[in-house]
Amino acid sequence: MAGGSGTRFWPRSRTRSPKQLLPIVGRRSMLEETIARVASLVPPSRVLVVTGRAHARGVRARLATRKRVGILVEPEAKNTAAAIALAALHVARRDPDAVMVVLPADHAVAPLKTFRADIEAAMDIAARTDMLVTLGVPPTHPETGYGYIQPGAPLDGTRGRAARVGRFIEKPDRARAAALLADGGVLWNAGIFAWRVDRILAELREHVPQVVASLETAMRRGGAAAWRAAYRRLPSISIDTGVLERSARVAVVRARFTWSDVGSWAAVADLWAPGGNGRNALRGSALPVDSRGCVVDSPERLVALLGVEDLVVVDTPDAVLVCRKDRAQDVRLVVDELRRRGLGRYL
């Protein structure tokens, strides 16, 4: 396996997500599914889970039977550059020559055999070329919730599997997304990465030096107070914006597996009601009457739907969300408004 004994895989649990740690894939949470997905490639002792303080207890409970999996808890959310830098520093202390793979913990992929082969291909390219490698997924529809990648020149020595990244395209509006698909050649940015740990640390130090410096100071000092102080100073910046869009050493591997970033309630529909075609995706107590294409999550109370289409209804103990399915990616607007009105208790 590329990267030898130093290979590390680590799924990152996002701080806010529709399913968070809920067991929506069979009896296992998506976090557990992510770890199981790479079990044939790497032993548990080489897995690191990076999560936030709010989720730490849930993560530990879910992974209680996986004693050798490491858990890194961030004092507060500071986006993916900080999370990746934190993991990279811990990996580098164990093996500075390691190849590191970043796997978000809220993805659904199939088939597993193809997924694993594509991951190994990305690792091999990262090890041989010293590039930062991302996986790009051929788009199936004009999605506004994903970033896009425009591949550039083919990468030498990869037999057409990889290309240099021409440019990253931020999440577009619907018209722009449709135009990108019509032009052809673009890929969804899956947020799955492979790189040598020394390479990503070098790139972080070059492009966002304050992130690495603060974390290294906290590691030297140790203790909860040092980590809280370090995180207060960190900028909130994504790895894409902070590093990948600035680096000249980024390659993309065209993924051959099917993929969904289950980062919105609309995306959950594909897991709860495979095949679509107007089927309702229901969990908990729901009674649809003359309704189609709706997503309902109501573990306690009964939610009745009458004569509606393409709605998302999420009933929680302290709040109810109702939105059109095509606006599910805009839930962040509700979050922004809650903060503006001082209603942070609902977040």
Protein backbone atom coordinates (compact mmCIF):
# COMPACT_ATOMS: atom_id res chain seq x y z
CA MET A 1 0.00 0.00 0.00
CA ALA A 2 1.32 3.43 -0.91
CA GLY A 3 2.72 5.33 2.01
CA GLY A 4 3.90 2.17 3.75
CA SER A 5 3.55 1.79 7.47
CA GLY A 6 3.14 5.51 7.95
CA THR A 7 -0.19 5.82 6.18
CA ARG A 8 -2.90 7.57 8.22
CA PHE A 9 -6.60 7.83 7.62
CA TRP A 10 -8.73 10.14 9.73
CA PRO A 11 -12.42 11.01 9.33
CA ARG A 12 -13.43 14.46 10.47
CA SER A 13 -16.82 14.93 12.12
CA ARG A 14 -18.35 18.27 11.19
CA THR A 15 -19.64 20.55 13.89
CA ARG A 16 -23.12 21.02 12.41
CA SER A 17 -24.75 18.55 10.07
CA PRO A 18 -28.29 17.28 9.49
CA LYS A 19 -27.54 13.80 10.73
CA GLN A 20 -24.60 14.61 13.04
CA LEU A 21 -23.90 11.22 14.66
CA LEU A 22 -27.29 9.64 14.03
CA PRO A 23 -27.30 6.00 12.81
CA ILE A 24 -28.85 6.65 9.42
CA VAL A 25 -26.83 3.94 7.66
CA GLY A 26 -28.18 0.66 8.99
CA ARG A 27 -27.32 0.41 12.68
CA ARG A 28 -24.11 2.40 12.44
CA SER A 29 -23.52 6.14 12.43
CA MET A 30 -21.91 7.70 9.39
CA LEU A 31 -18.78 8.20 11.46
CA GLU A 32 -18.58 4.45 12.07
CA GLU A 33 -19.32 3.81 8.40
CA THR A 34 -16.43 6.07 7.40
CA ILE A 35 -14.01 4.18 9.63
CA ALA A 36 -15.30 0.80 8.45
CA ARG A 37 -14.93 1.94 4.84
CA VAL A 38 -11.14 1.95 5.16
CA ALA A 39 -10.77 -0.93 7.62
CA SER A 40 -9.23 -3.18 4.98
CA LEU A 41 -6.62 -0.53 4.18
CA VAL A 42 -5.47 0.64 7.59
CA PRO A 43 -5.52 -0.66 11.19
CA PRO A 44 -7.46 1.25 13.88
CA SER A 45 -4.26 2.50 15.49
CA ARG A 46 -3.67 4.68 12.42
CA VAL A 47 -7.09 6.34 12.50
CA LEU A 48 -7.59 9.80 13.98
CA VAL A 49 -11.04 11.35 14.41
CA VAL A 50 -11.06 15.14 14.69
CA THR A 51 -14.25 16.46 16.26
CA GLY A 52 -15.61 19.42 18.19
CA ARG A 53 -16.15 19.68 21.91
CA ALA A 54 -19.94 19.53 21.49
CA HIS A 55 -19.67 16.14 19.79
CA ALA A 56 -16.80 14.62 21.75
CA ARG A 57 -18.98 12.64 24.15
CA GLY A 58 -21.10 11.24 21.31
CA VAL A 59 -18.01 10.32 19.31
CA ARG A 60 -16.45 8.51 22.25
CA ALA A 61 -19.69 6.62 22.87
CA ARG A 62 -19.94 5.58 19.24
CA LEU A 63 -16.34 4.44 19.17
CA ALA A 64 -16.35 2.76 22.59
CA THR A 65 -15.58 -0.63 21.02
CA ARG A 66 -12.80 0.82 18.84
CA LYS A 67 -10.29 1.40 21.61
CA ARG A 68 -7.29 2.01 19.34
CA VAL A 69 -8.87 4.81 17.29
CA GLY A 70 -7.46 8.20 18.28
CA ILE A 71 -9.77 11.15 18.99
CA LEU A 72 -8.66 14.80 18.78
CA VAL A 73 -11.09 17.32 20.27
CA GLU A 74 -11.05 20.92 19.07
CA PRO A 75 -12.02 23.48 21.76
CA GLU A 76 -14.07 25.34 19.16
CA ALA A 77 -14.78 25.07 15.45
CA LYS A 78 -12.25 26.90 13.29
CA ASN A 79 -12.96 25.30 9.91
CA THR A 80 -10.99 22.67 8.01
CA ALA A 81 -7.54 24.28 7.81
CA ALA A 82 -7.24 24.13 11.60
CA ALA A 83 -8.67 20.60 11.83
CA ILE A 84 -6.29 19.29 9.18
CA ALA A 85 -3.30 21.10 10.67
CA LEU A 86 -4.10 19.62 14.09
CA ALA A 87 -4.23 16.10 12.68
CA ALA A 88 -1.12 16.59 10.53
CA LEU A 89 0.94 17.73 13.50
CA HIS A 90 -0.08 14.66 15.49
CA VAL A 91 0.64 12.34 12.55
CA ALA A 92 4.03 13.97 11.93
CA ARG A 93 5.10 13.31 15.52
CA ARG A 94 4.56 9.59 14.93
CA ASP A 95 5.80 9.37 11.35
CA PRO A 96 6.99 12.46 9.43
CA ASP A 97 7.07 10.45 6.17
CA ALA A 98 3.43 9.37 6.40
CA VAL A 99 0.86 9.73 3.63
CA MET A 100 -2.30 11.18 5.13
CA VAL A 101 -5.82 10.83 3.81
CA VAL A 102 -8.62 13.18 4.87
CA LEU A 103 -12.09 11.63 4.89
CA PRO A 104 -15.07 13.73 6.00
CA ALA A 105 -17.43 11.65 8.12
CA ASP A 106 -20.66 12.62 6.36
CA HIS A 107 -20.26 11.02 2.94
CA ALA A 108 -22.09 8.15 1.29
CA VAL A 109 -20.12 6.23 -1.35
CA ALA A 110 -20.51 3.08 -3.43
CA PRO A 111 -19.23 0.61 -4.41
CA LEU A 112 -16.65 0.20 -1.68
CA LYS A 113 -14.19 -1.73 -3.83
CA THR A 114 -13.99 1.15 -6.31
CA PHE A 115 -13.79 3.73 -3.54
CA ARG A 116 -10.85 1.94 -1.95
CA ALA A 117 -9.07 1.60 -5.28
CA ASP A 118 -9.47 5.33 -5.96
CA ILE A 119 -8.17 6.18 -2.48
CA GLU A 120 -5.11 4.00 -3.04
CA ALA A 121 -4.53 5.69 -6.42
CA ALA A 122 -4.65 9.12 -4.76
CA MET A 123 -2.25 7.96 -2.04
CA ASP A 124 0.17 6.59 -4.59
CA ILE A 125 0.16 9.84 -6.56
CA ALA A 126 0.67 11.85 -3.36
CA ALA A 127 3.61 9.66 -2.33
CA ARG A 128 5.32 9.65 -5.74
CA THR A 129 4.73 13.23 -6.90
CA ASP A 130 4.63 15.15 -3.59
CA MET A 131 1.40 16.78 -4.76
CA LEU A 132 -1.68 17.68 -2.76
CA VAL A 133 -4.28 15.32 -4.23
CA THR A 134 -8.03 15.84 -4.14
CA LEU A 135 -10.75 13.58 -5.49
CA GLY A 136 -13.20 15.03 -7.99
CA VAL A 137 -16.60 13.46 -8.64
CA PRO A 138 -18.30 13.70 -12.06
CA PRO A 139 -21.43 15.80 -11.44
CA THR A 140 -24.88 14.37 -12.07
CA HIS A 141 -26.91 17.57 -11.71
CA PRO A 142 -26.36 21.33 -11.24
CA GLU A 143 -25.75 21.27 -7.48
CA THR A 144 -25.35 24.63 -5.72
CA GLY A 145 -24.12 23.19 -2.43
CA TYR A 146 -20.80 21.84 -3.74
CA GLY A 147 -17.62 23.46 -4.94
CA TYR A 148 -16.36 22.53 -8.42
CA ILE A 149 -12.94 21.73 -9.87
CA GLN A 150 -11.80 22.53 -13.40
CA PRO A 151 -9.05 20.02 -14.28
CA GLY A 152 -6.00 21.33 -16.10
CA ALA A 153 -3.13 19.54 -17.81
CA PRO A 154 -2.79 15.76 -17.25
CA LEU A 155 -0.35 14.84 -14.51
CA ASP A 156 2.69 12.97 -15.82
CA GLY A 157 3.05 9.34 -14.80
CA THR A 158 -0.59 8.80 -13.82
CA ARG A 159 -1.84 7.20 -17.06
CA GLY A 160 -4.63 9.75 -17.33
CA ARG A 161 -5.97 9.11 -13.81
CA ALA A 162 -5.00 12.56 -12.54
CA ALA A 163 -4.60 16.14 -13.74
CA ARG A 164 -3.28 19.32 -12.27
CA VAL A 165 -6.08 21.47 -10.92
CA GLY A 166 -6.80 24.32 -13.31
CA ARG A 167 -9.00 26.20 -10.87
CA PHE A 168 -11.39 25.80 -7.99
CA ILE A 169 -14.89 27.21 -8.39
CA GLU A 170 -16.77 28.24 -5.26
CA LYS A 171 -20.33 27.08 -4.70
CA PRO A 172 -22.20 28.59 -7.67
CA ASP A 173 -25.78 29.73 -7.98
CA ARG A 174 -28.12 27.48 -9.94
CA ALA A 175 -27.64 29.21 -13.29
CA ARG A 176 -23.85 29.08 -12.97
CA ALA A 177 -23.97 25.42 -11.91
CA ALA A 178 -26.09 24.55 -14.94
CA ALA A 179 -23.64 26.41 -17.21
CA LEU A 180 -20.69 24.53 -15.73
CA LEU A 181 -22.32 21.20 -16.48
CA ALA A 182 -23.23 22.31 -19.99
CA ASP A 183 -19.62 23.30 -20.64
CA GLY A 184 -18.46 19.86 -19.47
CA GLY A 185 -15.25 18.68 -17.85
CA VAL A 186 -15.86 20.02 -14.34
CA LEU A 187 -15.91 17.84 -11.24
CA TRP A 188 -17.51 18.20 -7.83
CA ASN A 189 -14.95 18.84 -5.12
CA ALA A 190 -15.52 15.87 -2.81
CA GLY A 191 -13.37 17.23 0.02
CA ILE A 192 -11.41 13.95 0.15
CA PHE A 193 -7.67 14.53 0.12
CA ALA A 194 -4.37 12.62 0.12
CA TRP A 195 -0.93 14.10 0.72
CA ARG A 196 2.38 13.52 2.41
CA VAL A 197 2.15 14.92 5.90
CA ASP A 198 5.38 16.89 5.47
CA ARG A 199 4.00 18.43 2.26
CA ILE A 200 0.71 19.60 3.78
CA LEU A 201 2.51 21.05 6.79
CA ALA A 202 4.91 22.92 4.47
CA GLU A 203 1.96 24.31 2.49
CA LEU A 204 0.11 25.30 5.67
CA ARG A 205 3.22 27.09 6.95
CA GLU A 206 3.56 28.94 3.66
CA HIS A 207 -0.05 29.99 3.15
CA VAL A 208 -1.61 30.13 6.66
CA PRO A 209 1.42 30.21 8.99
CA GLN A 210 -0.57 31.53 11.94
CA VAL A 211 -2.62 28.31 12.07
CA VAL A 212 0.36 25.98 12.42
CA ALA A 213 2.28 28.32 14.72
CA SER A 214 -0.58 28.61 17.21
CA LEU A 215 -1.17 24.86 17.29
CA GLU A 216 2.53 24.08 17.69
CA THR A 217 2.68 26.49 20.64
CA ALA A 218 -0.25 24.71 22.27
CA MET A 219 1.38 21.33 21.70
CA ARG A 220 4.56 22.50 23.40
CA ARG A 221 2.78 24.00 26.38
CA GLY A 222 0.13 21.31 26.76
CA GLY A 223 -3.00 21.57 28.87
CA ALA A 224 -6.58 22.60 28.13
CA ALA A 225 -5.92 26.29 28.75
CA ALA A 226 -3.17 26.39 26.12
CA TRP A 227 -5.42 24.76 23.54
CA ARG A 228 -8.32 27.11 24.27
CA ALA A 229 -6.02 30.11 23.95
CA ALA A 230 -4.57 28.80 20.68
CA TYR A 231 -8.00 28.23 19.14
CA ARG A 232 -9.21 31.69 20.12
CA ARG A 233 -6.35 33.11 18.02
CA LEU A 234 -6.93 30.89 14.97
CA PRO A 235 -8.55 32.30 11.84
CA SER A 236 -11.59 30.38 10.62
CA ILE A 237 -10.52 29.34 7.12
CA SER A 238 -11.12 26.29 4.99
CA ILE A 239 -8.29 24.17 3.64
CA ASP A 240 -9.56 24.95 0.13
CA THR A 241 -9.42 28.73 0.56
CA GLY A 242 -6.37 28.79 2.79
CA VAL A 243 -4.13 26.33 0.95
CA LEU A 244 -5.45 24.51 -2.10
CA GLU A 245 -6.55 27.60 -4.03
CA ARG A 246 -3.13 29.20 -3.38
CA SER A 247 -0.86 26.24 -4.00
CA ALA A 248 0.77 25.34 -7.31
CA ARG A 249 1.03 21.68 -6.30
CA VAL A 250 -2.58 20.46 -6.42
CA ALA A 251 -3.79 17.49 -8.49
CA VAL A 252 -7.24 15.95 -8.91
CA VAL A 253 -8.10 12.29 -9.38
CA ARG A 254 -11.36 11.63 -11.20
CA ALA A 255 -13.41 9.42 -8.90
CA ARG A 256 -15.11 6.34 -10.30
CA PHE A 257 -17.41 5.71 -7.32
CA THR A 258 -20.81 7.29 -6.71
CA TRP A 259 -20.80 9.90 -3.98
CA SER A 260 -23.05 12.09 -1.91
CA ASP A 261 -22.01 14.71 0.62
CA VAL A 262 -24.84 14.25 3.09
CA GLY A 263 -24.53 17.84 4.21
CA SER A 264 -28.13 18.84 3.61
CA TRP A 265 -31.50 17.33 4.39
CA ALA A 266 -32.27 17.03 0.68
CA ALA A 267 -29.23 14.77 0.27
CA VAL A 268 -30.52 12.50 3.05
CA ALA A 269 -33.38 11.51 0.74
CA ASP A 270 -31.05 9.39 -1.39
CA LEU A 271 -30.16 7.31 1.68
CA TRP A 272 -33.64 6.91 3.14
CA ALA A 273 -35.47 6.41 -0.16
CA PRO A 274 -33.03 5.13 -2.80
CA GLY A 275 -34.21 5.54 -6.35
CA GLY A 276 -36.12 8.76 -5.84
CA ASN A 277 -38.89 9.11 -8.44
CA GLY A 278 -41.07 11.12 -6.10
CA ARG A 279 -40.80 8.75 -3.17
CA ASN A 280 -41.03 10.26 0.30
CA ALA A 281 -37.97 9.80 2.53
CA LEU A 282 -39.30 9.29 6.04
CA ARG A 283 -37.83 8.56 9.44
CA GLY A 284 -39.77 8.43 12.68
CA SER A 285 -43.47 9.29 12.83
CA ALA A 286 -44.71 10.61 9.49
CA LEU A 287 -48.02 10.31 7.65
CA PRO A 288 -47.90 11.54 4.05
CA VAL A 289 -51.25 11.87 2.25
CA ASP A 290 -51.26 12.82 -1.42
CA SER A 291 -47.70 14.05 -0.96
CA ARG A 292 -44.52 13.18 -2.83
CA GLY A 293 -40.80 13.85 -2.80
CA CYS A 294 -40.74 15.00 0.83
CA VAL A 295 -38.11 14.42 3.53
CA VAL A 296 -39.39 14.05 7.10
CA ASP A 297 -37.38 13.41 10.26
CA SER A 298 -39.62 13.26 13.34
CA PRO A 299 -38.44 10.80 15.99
CA GLU A 300 -41.07 11.80 18.57
CA ARG A 301 -44.21 13.54 17.30
CA LEU A 302 -46.38 12.63 14.34
CA VAL A 303 -45.90 14.85 11.29
CA ALA A 304 -48.76 14.70 8.78
CA LEU A 305 -48.31 15.91 5.20
CA LEU A 306 -51.29 16.69 3.01
CA GLY A 307 -51.10 17.59 -0.66
CA VAL A 308 -47.51 18.88 -0.65
CA GLU A 309 -44.39 18.14 -2.70
CA ASP A 310 -40.64 18.43 -2.25
CA LEU A 311 -40.63 19.70 1.32
CA VAL A 312 -38.15 19.06 4.14
CA VAL A 313 -39.68 18.81 7.63
CA VAL A 314 -37.38 18.26 10.62
CA ASP A 315 -39.03 18.08 14.04
CA THR A 316 -36.69 18.36 17.05
CA PRO A 317 -37.54 18.90 20.74
CA ASP A 318 -36.93 22.66 20.60
CA ALA A 319 -37.56 23.67 16.99
CA VAL A 320 -39.18 22.66 13.70
CA LEU A 321 -37.61 23.28 10.30
CA VAL A 322 -39.76 23.45 7.17
CA CYS A 323 -38.28 24.37 3.81
CA ARG A 324 -38.44 23.51 0.14
CA LYS A 325 -36.08 20.71 -0.75
CA ASP A 326 -34.30 22.87 -3.31
CA ARG A 327 -33.50 25.38 -0.53
CA ALA A 328 -32.10 22.80 1.91
CA GLN A 329 -28.54 24.04 1.35
CA ASP A 330 -29.66 27.49 2.53
CA VAL A 331 -30.33 26.41 6.12
CA ARG A 332 -27.23 28.43 6.99
CA LEU A 333 -29.36 31.55 6.37
CA VAL A 334 -31.59 30.48 9.25
CA VAL A 335 -28.50 29.94 11.41
CA ASP A 336 -27.25 33.43 10.54
CA GLU A 337 -30.64 34.95 11.41
CA LEU A 338 -30.82 33.11 14.73
CA ARG A 339 -27.42 34.52 15.65
CA ARG A 340 -28.44 38.00 14.55
CA ARG A 341 -31.50 37.86 16.78
CA GLY A 342 -29.62 36.49 19.75
CA LEU A 343 -31.31 33.08 19.57
CA GLY A 344 -28.12 31.04 19.76
CA ARG A 345 -29.77 28.55 22.14
CA TYR A 346 -31.40 26.97 19.09
CA LEU A 347 -28.10 26.29 17.31
